[in-house]
Amino acid sequence: MNEELVKKLKCIRLGGLLANRDQWLSVARKGNYSPVRLLEYVIDQECRIKMENSRKGRLTRAKIAEHWVMETFPFDRQPKLDRKKTMGLYDAFDYMTKSRNLIFIGPTGAGKTGLATAFLIHAVDKGYKERFIAFPEIVELLYRSVADHTEAAILKKFADYDVLLIDELGYVEVEPIQVGLFFTLMNRRHKKKTTLITSNLGFSQWTTFLHNPQLTANGDAGASGR
């Protein structure tokens, strides 16, 4: 392939076509495709490559700790978890299309993070923009944002994610200012975006660290996994 053509392919960002040049030429030489069908085939493959690269990019930006998927979730180790109900929520996908929140509650090691991550990755595969973050990290980010006057930007950033997974809510004590900012974030996302939360504490215990009955009373839990 001449250098000028390589430059043009890079210019229009057809990296897949460039990387798979020999494969497409081999298909063309076999003569099984008309020129129109060959062009359609190459475009289809290029589209598939771009979609997969986009998916991988979203996964990377999501900062997911471990890439659990529903197909490998060990339901047999969690007999108290209603598999039929869980799979119904997962397959219906209305937790995303209807902007529902899901809260997974259970002790450490119960698999709630893995289950919530599977729901998150399902949304990634459907093209949604997402983020995984631990509760201590997000409240610390919100707290620091006050000091450098970036709270508006931080709130907007996390409010804009199509789906936000907040892992292990309840492991740290939080200051009133952190509770206020966290409440603001949840309020902005309420019924507009999907939020997934995992916690080792039941709802009645949330006031012990959030110190805000209004915040805990307004939880919109679409499902609770143990």
Protein backbone atom coordinates (compact mmCIF):
# COMPACT_ATOMS: atom_id res chain seq x y z
CA MET A 1 0.00 0.00 0.00
CA ASN A 2 1.45 3.35 -1.01
CA GLU A 3 2.20 5.95 1.65
CA GLU A 4 -0.33 8.43 0.30
CA LEU A 5 -3.19 5.94 0.72
CA VAL A 6 -2.00 5.07 4.23
CA LYS A 7 -2.08 8.77 5.15
CA LYS A 8 -5.60 9.12 3.77
CA LEU A 9 -6.88 6.10 5.72
CA LYS A 10 -5.36 7.52 8.90
CA CYS A 11 -6.84 10.92 8.10
CA ILE A 12 -10.38 9.52 7.94
CA ARG A 13 -9.64 7.21 10.87
CA LEU A 14 -10.19 3.90 9.10
CA GLY A 15 -7.70 2.08 11.28
CA GLY A 16 -9.45 -1.25 10.94
CA LEU A 17 -9.30 -1.09 7.17
CA LEU A 18 -5.61 -0.28 7.34
CA ALA A 19 -4.83 -3.03 9.87
CA ASN A 20 -6.84 -5.68 7.98
CA ARG A 21 -5.77 -4.67 4.46
CA ASP A 22 -4.32 -8.10 3.61
CA GLN A 23 -7.47 -9.88 4.77
CA TRP A 24 -9.74 -7.66 2.65
CA LEU A 25 -7.47 -8.10 -0.40
CA SER A 26 -7.60 -11.87 0.09
CA VAL A 27 -11.42 -11.74 0.15
CA ALA A 28 -11.42 -9.63 -3.01
CA ARG A 29 -9.07 -12.00 -4.87
CA LYS A 30 -11.29 -15.00 -4.17
CA GLY A 31 -13.97 -13.32 -6.26
CA ASN A 32 -16.89 -14.45 -4.11
CA TYR A 33 -18.16 -10.90 -3.74
CA SER A 34 -19.37 -8.42 -6.29
CA PRO A 35 -17.76 -4.95 -5.96
CA VAL A 36 -20.87 -3.67 -4.18
CA ARG A 37 -21.04 -6.62 -1.77
CA LEU A 38 -17.32 -6.41 -1.08
CA LEU A 39 -17.63 -2.71 -0.22
CA GLU A 40 -20.59 -3.45 2.07
CA TYR A 41 -18.63 -6.27 3.74
CA VAL A 42 -15.58 -4.10 4.39
CA ILE A 43 -17.72 -1.24 5.74
CA ASP A 44 -19.60 -3.65 8.00
CA GLN A 45 -16.35 -5.05 9.39
CA GLU A 46 -14.91 -1.56 9.88
CA CYS A 47 -18.07 -0.59 11.80
CA ARG A 48 -17.79 -3.67 14.01
CA ILE A 49 -14.16 -2.85 14.79
CA LYS A 50 -15.00 0.74 15.69
CA MET A 51 -17.90 -0.33 17.92
CA GLU A 52 -15.72 -2.83 19.75
CA ASN A 53 -12.93 -0.28 20.22
CA SER A 54 -15.50 2.18 21.52
CA ARG A 55 -16.79 -0.42 23.99
CA LYS A 56 -13.27 -1.15 25.21
CA GLY A 57 -12.65 2.56 25.61
CA ARG A 58 -15.80 2.99 27.73
CA LEU A 59 -14.75 0.06 29.91
CA THR A 60 -11.33 1.60 30.43
CA ARG A 61 -12.75 5.00 31.31
CA ALA A 62 -15.26 3.40 33.68
CA LYS A 63 -12.37 2.32 35.96
CA ILE A 64 -14.09 -0.94 36.83
CA ALA A 65 -12.14 -2.84 39.49
CA GLU A 66 -12.91 -6.34 38.17
CA HIS A 67 -14.78 -7.16 34.98
CA TRP A 68 -17.48 -9.49 36.26
CA VAL A 69 -20.18 -10.55 33.81
CA MET A 70 -23.55 -12.15 34.48
CA GLU A 71 -22.67 -15.35 32.58
CA THR A 72 -20.07 -16.26 35.21
CA PHE A 73 -21.86 -15.05 38.35
CA PRO A 74 -21.91 -17.94 40.91
CA PHE A 75 -25.63 -18.04 41.72
CA ASP A 76 -25.15 -21.48 43.26
CA ARG A 77 -23.08 -19.89 46.04
CA GLN A 78 -25.85 -17.41 46.86
CA PRO A 79 -28.98 -19.53 47.45
CA LYS A 80 -30.82 -16.58 49.05
CA LEU A 81 -30.51 -14.54 45.87
CA ASP A 82 -33.56 -14.83 43.63
CA ARG A 83 -31.94 -15.78 40.34
CA LYS A 84 -35.15 -15.51 38.31
CA LYS A 85 -35.87 -11.98 39.56
CA THR A 86 -32.26 -10.90 39.08
CA MET A 87 -32.11 -12.19 35.52
CA GLY A 88 -35.50 -10.62 34.81
CA LEU A 89 -34.15 -7.20 35.82
CA TYR A 90 -30.97 -7.79 33.84
CA ASP A 91 -32.66 -8.97 30.64
CA ALA A 92 -35.48 -6.40 30.69
CA PHE A 93 -32.82 -3.67 30.87
CA ASP A 94 -35.40 -1.17 32.11
CA TYR A 95 -33.07 -0.19 34.92
CA MET A 96 -31.40 1.81 32.15
CA THR A 97 -34.28 2.66 29.82
CA LYS A 98 -36.43 3.87 32.75
CA SER A 99 -33.55 5.38 34.77
CA ARG A 100 -34.16 3.11 37.74
CA ASN A 101 -31.75 2.75 40.65
CA LEU A 102 -30.63 -0.65 41.93
CA ILE A 103 -29.25 -1.25 45.42
CA PHE A 104 -27.40 -4.45 46.28
CA ILE A 105 -27.20 -5.14 50.02
CA GLY A 106 -25.28 -7.93 51.68
CA PRO A 107 -22.26 -8.81 53.85
CA THR A 108 -18.69 -8.67 52.61
CA GLY A 109 -18.01 -11.54 50.21
CA ALA A 110 -21.64 -12.02 49.20
CA GLY A 111 -20.90 -11.04 45.59
CA LYS A 112 -22.85 -7.79 45.52
CA THR A 113 -20.03 -5.86 43.80
CA GLY A 114 -19.67 -8.56 41.17
CA LEU A 115 -23.40 -8.59 40.53
CA ALA A 116 -23.64 -4.80 40.30
CA THR A 117 -20.60 -4.77 38.00
CA ALA A 118 -22.33 -7.25 35.68
CA PHE A 119 -25.27 -4.83 35.40
CA LEU A 120 -22.83 -1.98 34.75
CA ILE A 121 -20.96 -3.85 32.00
CA HIS A 122 -24.29 -4.83 30.44
CA ALA A 123 -24.99 -1.11 30.03
CA VAL A 124 -21.50 -0.58 28.58
CA ASP A 125 -22.18 -3.24 25.97
CA LYS A 126 -25.36 -1.38 25.02
CA GLY A 127 -23.42 1.83 24.38
CA TYR A 128 -24.02 3.74 27.62
CA LYS A 129 -21.44 5.93 29.38
CA GLU A 130 -20.64 4.73 32.87
CA ARG A 131 -18.35 4.95 35.90
CA PHE A 132 -17.40 2.67 38.79
CA ILE A 133 -16.26 4.36 41.99
CA ALA A 134 -15.96 3.41 45.66
CA PHE A 135 -18.04 5.43 48.11
CA PRO A 136 -14.99 6.65 50.11
CA GLU A 137 -13.41 7.90 46.89
CA ILE A 138 -16.41 9.83 45.63
CA VAL A 139 -17.08 11.58 48.96
CA GLU A 140 -13.38 12.47 49.19
CA LEU A 141 -13.50 13.92 45.65
CA LEU A 142 -16.55 15.96 46.59
CA TYR A 143 -14.88 17.16 49.79
CA ARG A 144 -11.69 18.24 47.99
CA SER A 145 -13.71 20.01 45.33
CA VAL A 146 -14.95 22.49 47.93
CA ALA A 147 -11.39 23.53 48.75
CA ASP A 148 -10.45 24.29 45.14
CA HIS A 149 -13.93 25.54 44.15
CA THR A 150 -14.51 22.79 41.57
CA GLU A 151 -17.61 21.28 43.17
CA ALA A 152 -19.84 22.41 40.30
CA ALA A 153 -17.61 20.66 37.76
CA ILE A 154 -17.32 17.48 39.85
CA LEU A 155 -21.07 17.32 40.43
CA LYS A 156 -21.76 17.80 36.73
CA LYS A 157 -19.23 15.13 35.78
CA PHE A 158 -20.80 12.47 38.00
CA ALA A 159 -24.34 13.60 37.32
CA ASP A 160 -23.82 13.15 33.58
CA TYR A 161 -22.84 9.47 33.61
CA ASP A 162 -25.62 7.34 32.14
CA VAL A 163 -25.00 4.81 34.90
CA LEU A 164 -22.93 5.30 38.05
CA LEU A 165 -21.92 2.41 40.31
CA ILE A 166 -21.07 3.53 43.86
CA ASP A 167 -19.43 0.61 45.63
CA GLU A 168 -19.55 -0.19 49.36
CA LEU A 169 -21.59 2.73 50.62
CA GLY A 170 -21.21 2.91 54.39
CA TYR A 171 -17.56 2.08 55.06
CA VAL A 172 -16.57 5.59 56.15
CA GLU A 173 -17.93 8.38 58.31
CA VAL A 174 -18.64 11.53 56.34
CA GLU A 175 -18.72 15.19 57.23
CA PRO A 176 -21.94 17.22 56.86
CA ILE A 177 -20.56 19.05 53.81
CA GLN A 178 -19.84 15.69 52.13
CA VAL A 179 -23.34 14.47 52.92
CA GLY A 180 -24.78 17.65 51.41
CA LEU A 181 -22.81 17.28 48.19
CA PHE A 182 -23.59 13.57 47.95
CA PHE A 183 -27.29 14.36 48.42
CA THR A 184 -27.06 17.01 45.69
CA LEU A 185 -25.50 14.49 43.31
CA MET A 186 -28.13 11.84 44.03
CA ASN A 187 -30.88 14.42 43.63
CA ARG A 188 -29.55 15.47 40.20
CA ARG A 189 -29.45 11.87 39.05
CA HIS A 190 -32.84 10.90 40.53
CA LYS A 191 -35.19 9.62 37.78
CA LYS A 192 -32.81 11.02 35.13
CA LYS A 193 -29.88 8.61 35.28
CA THR A 194 -29.33 5.13 36.68
CA THR A 195 -27.36 4.70 39.89
CA LEU A 196 -26.20 1.32 41.18
CA ILE A 197 -25.21 1.12 44.85
CA THR A 198 -23.69 -1.69 46.88
CA SER A 199 -23.68 -1.64 50.67
CA ASN A 200 -23.04 -3.96 53.58
CA LEU A 201 -25.60 -2.02 55.65
CA GLY A 202 -29.38 -2.18 55.52
CA PHE A 203 -31.39 0.97 54.76
CA SER A 204 -32.21 1.51 58.44
CA GLN A 205 -28.48 1.82 59.18
CA TRP A 206 -27.69 4.43 56.54
CA THR A 207 -28.57 7.32 58.84
CA THR A 208 -25.73 6.24 61.17
CA PHE A 209 -23.12 7.56 58.74
CA LEU A 210 -25.10 9.84 56.41
CA HIS A 211 -26.84 11.66 59.26
CA ASN A 212 -29.55 12.73 56.84
CA PRO A 213 -32.97 11.04 57.18
CA GLN A 214 -34.25 12.86 54.07
CA LEU A 215 -31.49 11.39 51.90
CA THR A 216 -32.06 7.82 53.07
CA ALA A 217 -35.84 8.14 52.87
CA ASN A 218 -35.69 9.16 49.20
CA GLY A 219 -33.87 6.06 48.01
CA ASP A 220 -35.34 4.73 44.74
CA ALA A 221 -34.24 1.11 44.87
CA GLY A 222 -35.30 -0.91 41.89
CA ALA A 223 -33.91 -4.12 43.40
CA SER A 224 -31.99 -5.30 46.38
CA GLY A 225 -29.48 -8.11 46.08
CA ARG A 226 -28.06 -10.07 49.02
